[in-house]
Amino acid sequence: MEEKEFNLRGVAVDVATYEWEEDDIVNKTPVVINKISKRSGGFTVYMKAPTEQLEWYFSKGLTNILVMEGKKAPYIRIEHEDGTYWVDLPYNNEILEFLKEFKEDELTNL
């Protein structure tokens, strides 16, 4: 298992249903991404939220890693394929390089 430590602020979001509306957002929490570890077939994002430690699991082929255009600057979205949870974090080449094997060909949503 390969892992890399980070200290990046982001936002973790999970929603109630696959076909969600803005009011279906269950949790939108500021987080600090501490570490990302790769495992066979996927990776885990370790985050510290204000009240708890979070570990979110992502699988190869079921994860979208997108570069999104923000109001001030681009950012990275690591999203479960069904859109029920995702993490937004500042654009960071180190993370994109570390997770390159999990990215699909089309990764930019600018």
N, C-alpha and C. Protein backbone atom coordinates (compact mmCIF):
# COMPACT_ATOMS: atom_id res chain seq x y z
N MET A 1 0.85 -1.17 0.00
CA MET A 1 0.00 0.00 0.00
C MET A 1 0.89 1.24 0.00
N GLU A 2 0.65 2.11 -0.94
CA GLU A 2 1.39 3.36 -1.04
C GLU A 2 0.52 4.47 -0.45
N GLU A 3 1.16 5.36 0.32
CA GLU A 3 0.40 6.47 0.88
C GLU A 3 1.22 7.75 0.86
N LYS A 4 0.52 8.86 0.91
CA LYS A 4 1.16 10.16 0.87
C LYS A 4 0.41 11.07 1.83
N GLU A 5 1.16 11.83 2.61
CA GLU A 5 0.55 12.76 3.56
C GLU A 5 0.38 14.13 2.92
N PHE A 6 -0.71 14.78 3.30
CA PHE A 6 -1.05 16.11 2.81
C PHE A 6 -1.54 16.95 3.98
N ASN A 7 -1.67 18.21 3.75
CA ASN A 7 -2.29 19.12 4.72
C ASN A 7 -3.06 20.15 3.91
N LEU A 8 -4.17 19.71 3.32
CA LEU A 8 -4.96 20.56 2.44
C LEU A 8 -6.36 20.75 2.99
N ARG A 9 -6.83 21.96 2.96
CA ARG A 9 -8.20 22.24 3.37
C ARG A 9 -9.13 21.97 2.19
N GLY A 10 -10.28 21.41 2.50
CA GLY A 10 -11.25 21.11 1.48
C GLY A 10 -12.65 21.09 2.06
N VAL A 11 -13.59 20.59 1.27
CA VAL A 11 -14.97 20.44 1.70
C VAL A 11 -15.44 19.05 1.31
N ALA A 12 -15.97 18.32 2.28
CA ALA A 12 -16.52 16.99 2.03
C ALA A 12 -18.04 17.11 2.01
N VAL A 13 -18.67 16.49 1.01
CA VAL A 13 -20.13 16.60 0.84
C VAL A 13 -20.70 15.21 0.63
N ASP A 14 -21.77 14.91 1.34
CA ASP A 14 -22.53 13.71 1.01
C ASP A 14 -24.00 14.09 0.90
N VAL A 15 -24.71 13.34 0.08
CA VAL A 15 -26.10 13.66 -0.24
C VAL A 15 -27.00 12.48 0.06
N ALA A 16 -28.30 12.72 0.07
CA ALA A 16 -29.25 11.70 0.49
C ALA A 16 -29.56 10.67 -0.59
N THR A 17 -29.61 11.07 -1.85
CA THR A 17 -30.04 10.15 -2.90
C THR A 17 -29.23 10.35 -4.16
N TYR A 18 -29.33 9.41 -5.07
CA TYR A 18 -28.62 9.50 -6.35
C TYR A 18 -29.13 10.69 -7.17
N GLU A 19 -30.44 10.86 -7.23
CA GLU A 19 -31.02 11.99 -7.97
C GLU A 19 -31.31 13.11 -6.97
N TRP A 20 -30.24 13.74 -6.53
CA TRP A 20 -30.37 14.69 -5.43
C TRP A 20 -30.65 16.10 -5.93
N GLU A 21 -31.24 16.85 -5.04
CA GLU A 21 -31.49 18.28 -5.22
C GLU A 21 -30.64 19.01 -4.18
N GLU A 22 -30.53 20.30 -4.32
CA GLU A 22 -29.70 21.08 -3.37
C GLU A 22 -30.10 20.84 -1.92
N ASP A 23 -31.41 20.64 -1.65
CA ASP A 23 -31.85 20.43 -0.27
C ASP A 23 -31.61 19.00 0.22
N ASP A 24 -31.12 18.12 -0.64
CA ASP A 24 -30.80 16.75 -0.23
C ASP A 24 -29.41 16.62 0.37
N ILE A 25 -28.63 17.70 0.34
CA ILE A 25 -27.28 17.61 0.91
C ILE A 25 -27.40 17.32 2.40
N VAL A 26 -26.81 16.21 2.82
CA VAL A 26 -26.89 15.78 4.21
C VAL A 26 -25.79 16.46 5.02
N ASN A 27 -24.63 16.55 4.45
CA ASN A 27 -23.50 17.04 5.20
C ASN A 27 -22.54 17.75 4.25
N LYS A 28 -22.21 18.97 4.57
CA LYS A 28 -21.21 19.73 3.82
C LYS A 28 -20.27 20.28 4.87
N THR A 29 -19.10 19.66 4.98
CA THR A 29 -18.22 19.89 6.10
C THR A 29 -16.84 20.35 5.66
N PRO A 30 -16.31 21.39 6.29
CA PRO A 30 -14.92 21.72 6.01
C PRO A 30 -14.02 20.62 6.58
N VAL A 31 -13.02 20.24 5.82
CA VAL A 31 -12.12 19.17 6.24
C VAL A 31 -10.67 19.56 5.96
N VAL A 32 -9.77 18.85 6.60
CA VAL A 32 -8.35 18.90 6.26
C VAL A 32 -7.99 17.51 5.78
N ILE A 33 -7.53 17.41 4.54
CA ILE A 33 -7.11 16.11 3.99
C ILE A 33 -5.72 15.83 4.55
N ASN A 34 -5.61 14.78 5.36
CA ASN A 34 -4.35 14.43 6.02
C ASN A 34 -3.50 13.48 5.19
N LYS A 35 -4.18 12.53 4.53
CA LYS A 35 -3.44 11.46 3.87
C LYS A 35 -4.32 10.82 2.82
N ILE A 36 -3.67 10.31 1.78
CA ILE A 36 -4.34 9.48 0.78
C ILE A 36 -3.52 8.21 0.65
N SER A 37 -4.18 7.07 0.76
CA SER A 37 -3.46 5.80 0.61
C SER A 37 -4.09 5.01 -0.53
N LYS A 38 -3.22 4.43 -1.33
CA LYS A 38 -3.68 3.58 -2.44
C LYS A 38 -3.72 2.14 -1.95
N ARG A 39 -4.67 1.41 -2.47
CA ARG A 39 -4.77 -0.02 -2.20
C ARG A 39 -5.12 -0.70 -3.51
N SER A 40 -5.10 -1.98 -3.54
CA SER A 40 -5.45 -2.70 -4.75
C SER A 40 -6.87 -2.34 -5.16
N GLY A 41 -7.03 -1.73 -6.31
CA GLY A 41 -8.35 -1.40 -6.82
C GLY A 41 -8.96 -0.11 -6.34
N GLY A 42 -8.23 0.70 -5.57
CA GLY A 42 -8.82 1.95 -5.12
C GLY A 42 -7.89 2.74 -4.20
N PHE A 43 -8.48 3.71 -3.54
CA PHE A 43 -7.71 4.54 -2.61
C PHE A 43 -8.63 5.06 -1.52
N THR A 44 -8.03 5.52 -0.42
CA THR A 44 -8.76 6.05 0.71
C THR A 44 -8.28 7.47 0.98
N VAL A 45 -9.23 8.38 1.21
CA VAL A 45 -8.91 9.75 1.59
C VAL A 45 -9.19 9.88 3.08
N TYR A 46 -8.17 10.26 3.84
CA TYR A 46 -8.28 10.45 5.29
C TYR A 46 -8.41 11.94 5.56
N MET A 47 -9.47 12.31 6.30
CA MET A 47 -9.77 13.72 6.53
C MET A 47 -10.11 13.96 7.99
N LYS A 48 -9.80 15.16 8.43
CA LYS A 48 -10.19 15.59 9.77
C LYS A 48 -11.28 16.63 9.61
N ALA A 49 -12.46 16.32 10.10
CA ALA A 49 -13.58 17.26 10.12
C ALA A 49 -13.60 17.92 11.50
N PRO A 50 -14.40 18.96 11.69
CA PRO A 50 -14.42 19.63 13.01
C PRO A 50 -14.74 18.71 14.18
N THR A 51 -15.56 17.68 13.97
CA THR A 51 -15.96 16.83 15.09
C THR A 51 -15.52 15.38 14.99
N GLU A 52 -14.89 14.99 13.88
CA GLU A 52 -14.52 13.58 13.73
C GLU A 52 -13.46 13.38 12.66
N GLN A 53 -12.88 12.18 12.66
CA GLN A 53 -11.97 11.75 11.60
C GLN A 53 -12.80 11.00 10.57
N LEU A 54 -12.55 11.26 9.30
CA LEU A 54 -13.29 10.59 8.24
C LEU A 54 -12.34 9.79 7.36
N GLU A 55 -12.80 8.65 6.89
CA GLU A 55 -12.09 7.84 5.90
C GLU A 55 -13.09 7.53 4.81
N TRP A 56 -12.86 8.09 3.63
CA TRP A 56 -13.76 7.82 2.50
C TRP A 56 -13.02 6.96 1.49
N TYR A 57 -13.71 5.92 1.02
CA TYR A 57 -13.12 4.93 0.13
C TYR A 57 -13.60 5.17 -1.30
N PHE A 58 -12.67 5.10 -2.22
CA PHE A 58 -12.97 5.27 -3.63
C PHE A 58 -12.38 4.09 -4.39
N SER A 59 -13.09 3.62 -5.41
CA SER A 59 -12.66 2.45 -6.17
C SER A 59 -12.36 2.83 -7.61
N LYS A 60 -11.37 2.16 -8.18
CA LYS A 60 -11.04 2.38 -9.58
C LYS A 60 -12.24 2.02 -10.44
N GLY A 61 -12.56 2.88 -11.39
CA GLY A 61 -13.71 2.65 -12.25
C GLY A 61 -15.01 3.18 -11.69
N LEU A 62 -15.05 3.49 -10.41
CA LEU A 62 -16.26 4.03 -9.78
C LEU A 62 -16.01 5.42 -9.20
N THR A 63 -14.94 6.07 -9.65
CA THR A 63 -14.53 7.36 -9.11
C THR A 63 -14.28 8.33 -10.24
N ASN A 64 -14.74 9.55 -10.07
CA ASN A 64 -14.43 10.63 -11.00
C ASN A 64 -13.47 11.59 -10.31
N ILE A 65 -12.37 11.89 -10.96
CA ILE A 65 -11.44 12.89 -10.47
C ILE A 65 -11.44 13.99 -11.52
N LEU A 66 -12.00 15.13 -11.14
CA LEU A 66 -12.23 16.21 -12.09
C LEU A 66 -11.49 17.47 -11.68
N VAL A 67 -11.07 18.24 -12.66
CA VAL A 67 -10.58 19.59 -12.41
C VAL A 67 -11.74 20.51 -12.76
N MET A 68 -12.22 21.24 -11.76
CA MET A 68 -13.40 22.09 -11.93
C MET A 68 -12.97 23.55 -11.93
N GLU A 69 -13.74 24.39 -12.61
CA GLU A 69 -13.46 25.82 -12.63
C GLU A 69 -14.23 26.48 -11.50
N GLY A 70 -13.50 27.04 -10.54
CA GLY A 70 -14.13 27.73 -9.42
C GLY A 70 -14.26 29.22 -9.72
N LYS A 71 -14.89 29.96 -8.80
CA LYS A 71 -15.06 31.40 -8.97
C LYS A 71 -13.72 32.12 -8.99
N LYS A 72 -12.79 31.66 -8.16
CA LYS A 72 -11.48 32.32 -8.07
C LYS A 72 -10.36 31.51 -8.71
N ALA A 73 -10.45 30.21 -8.64
CA ALA A 73 -9.37 29.35 -9.15
C ALA A 73 -9.90 27.95 -9.40
N PRO A 74 -9.21 27.16 -10.23
CA PRO A 74 -9.64 25.77 -10.42
C PRO A 74 -9.48 24.97 -9.12
N TYR A 75 -10.25 23.90 -9.02
CA TYR A 75 -10.14 23.01 -7.86
C TYR A 75 -10.34 21.58 -8.33
N ILE A 76 -9.98 20.64 -7.46
CA ILE A 76 -10.12 19.22 -7.75
C ILE A 76 -11.36 18.69 -7.04
N ARG A 77 -12.13 17.89 -7.76
CA ARG A 77 -13.25 17.18 -7.14
C ARG A 77 -12.98 15.68 -7.28
N ILE A 78 -12.95 14.99 -6.15
CA ILE A 78 -12.84 13.53 -6.11
C ILE A 78 -14.24 13.05 -5.72
N GLU A 79 -14.90 12.35 -6.66
CA GLU A 79 -16.32 12.08 -6.50
C GLU A 79 -16.62 10.61 -6.74
N HIS A 80 -17.45 10.02 -5.88
CA HIS A 80 -17.95 8.69 -6.16
C HIS A 80 -18.79 8.77 -7.42
N GLU A 81 -18.69 7.78 -8.27
CA GLU A 81 -19.33 7.80 -9.58
C GLU A 81 -20.82 8.12 -9.54
N ASP A 82 -21.52 7.66 -8.51
CA ASP A 82 -22.96 7.91 -8.46
C ASP A 82 -23.29 9.30 -7.90
N GLY A 83 -22.28 10.07 -7.54
CA GLY A 83 -22.49 11.44 -7.10
C GLY A 83 -23.05 11.59 -5.70
N THR A 84 -23.03 10.54 -4.89
CA THR A 84 -23.59 10.65 -3.54
C THR A 84 -22.60 11.20 -2.52
N TYR A 85 -21.31 11.24 -2.84
CA TYR A 85 -20.35 11.91 -1.98
C TYR A 85 -19.14 12.34 -2.79
N TRP A 86 -18.55 13.45 -2.34
CA TRP A 86 -17.37 13.97 -3.02
C TRP A 86 -16.57 14.86 -2.08
N VAL A 87 -15.33 15.11 -2.46
CA VAL A 87 -14.43 16.00 -1.74
C VAL A 87 -13.92 17.03 -2.74
N ASP A 88 -14.05 18.30 -2.40
CA ASP A 88 -13.48 19.39 -3.20
C ASP A 88 -12.26 19.92 -2.47
N LEU A 89 -11.17 20.09 -3.21
CA LEU A 89 -9.95 20.61 -2.61
C LEU A 89 -9.22 21.51 -3.60
N PRO A 90 -8.34 22.36 -3.11
CA PRO A 90 -7.61 23.26 -4.01
C PRO A 90 -6.84 22.46 -5.05
N TYR A 91 -6.70 23.06 -6.23
CA TYR A 91 -5.93 22.42 -7.29
C TYR A 91 -4.53 22.10 -6.78
N ASN A 92 -4.09 20.85 -7.01
CA ASN A 92 -2.81 20.41 -6.49
C ASN A 92 -2.24 19.35 -7.43
N ASN A 93 -1.14 19.68 -8.11
CA ASN A 93 -0.52 18.73 -9.04
C ASN A 93 -0.05 17.46 -8.35
N GLU A 94 0.39 17.58 -7.11
CA GLU A 94 0.90 16.42 -6.37
C GLU A 94 -0.21 15.36 -6.19
N ILE A 95 -1.42 15.80 -5.88
CA ILE A 95 -2.54 14.86 -5.73
C ILE A 95 -2.91 14.26 -7.08
N LEU A 96 -2.97 15.10 -8.12
CA LEU A 96 -3.31 14.58 -9.45
C LEU A 96 -2.29 13.54 -9.91
N GLU A 97 -1.04 13.79 -9.66
CA GLU A 97 0.01 12.84 -10.05
C GLU A 97 -0.10 11.56 -9.22
N PHE A 98 -0.33 11.69 -7.91
CA PHE A 98 -0.44 10.53 -7.04
C PHE A 98 -1.61 9.64 -7.42
N LEU A 99 -2.71 10.24 -7.88
CA LEU A 99 -3.92 9.48 -8.21
C LEU A 99 -4.10 9.25 -9.71
N LYS A 100 -3.06 9.46 -10.50
CA LYS A 100 -3.20 9.39 -11.96
C LYS A 100 -3.74 8.06 -12.46
N GLU A 101 -3.45 6.96 -11.79
CA GLU A 101 -3.94 5.65 -12.25
C GLU A 101 -5.45 5.50 -12.06
N PHE A 102 -6.07 6.38 -11.29
CA PHE A 102 -7.51 6.30 -11.03
C PHE A 102 -8.30 7.28 -11.88
N LYS A 103 -7.63 8.12 -12.64
CA LYS A 103 -8.30 9.11 -13.46
C LYS A 103 -8.70 8.52 -14.80
N GLU A 104 -9.82 8.94 -15.30
CA GLU A 104 -10.27 8.56 -16.63
C GLU A 104 -9.61 9.52 -17.61
N ASP A 105 -9.74 9.23 -18.91
CA ASP A 105 -9.13 10.09 -19.93
C ASP A 105 -9.62 11.52 -19.84
N GLU A 106 -10.90 11.71 -19.66
CA GLU A 106 -11.47 13.06 -19.62
C GLU A 106 -11.54 13.53 -18.18
N LEU A 107 -10.59 14.36 -17.75
CA LEU A 107 -10.62 14.80 -16.37
C LEU A 107 -10.84 16.26 -16.17
N THR A 108 -10.97 17.01 -17.19
CA THR A 108 -11.13 18.44 -16.99
C THR A 108 -12.58 18.83 -17.25
N ASN A 109 -13.13 19.59 -16.33
CA ASN A 109 -14.48 20.08 -16.47
C ASN A 109 -14.45 21.60 -16.35
N LEU A 110 -13.62 22.23 -17.20
CA LEU A 110 -13.45 23.70 -17.14
C LEU A 110 -14.38 24.38 -18.10
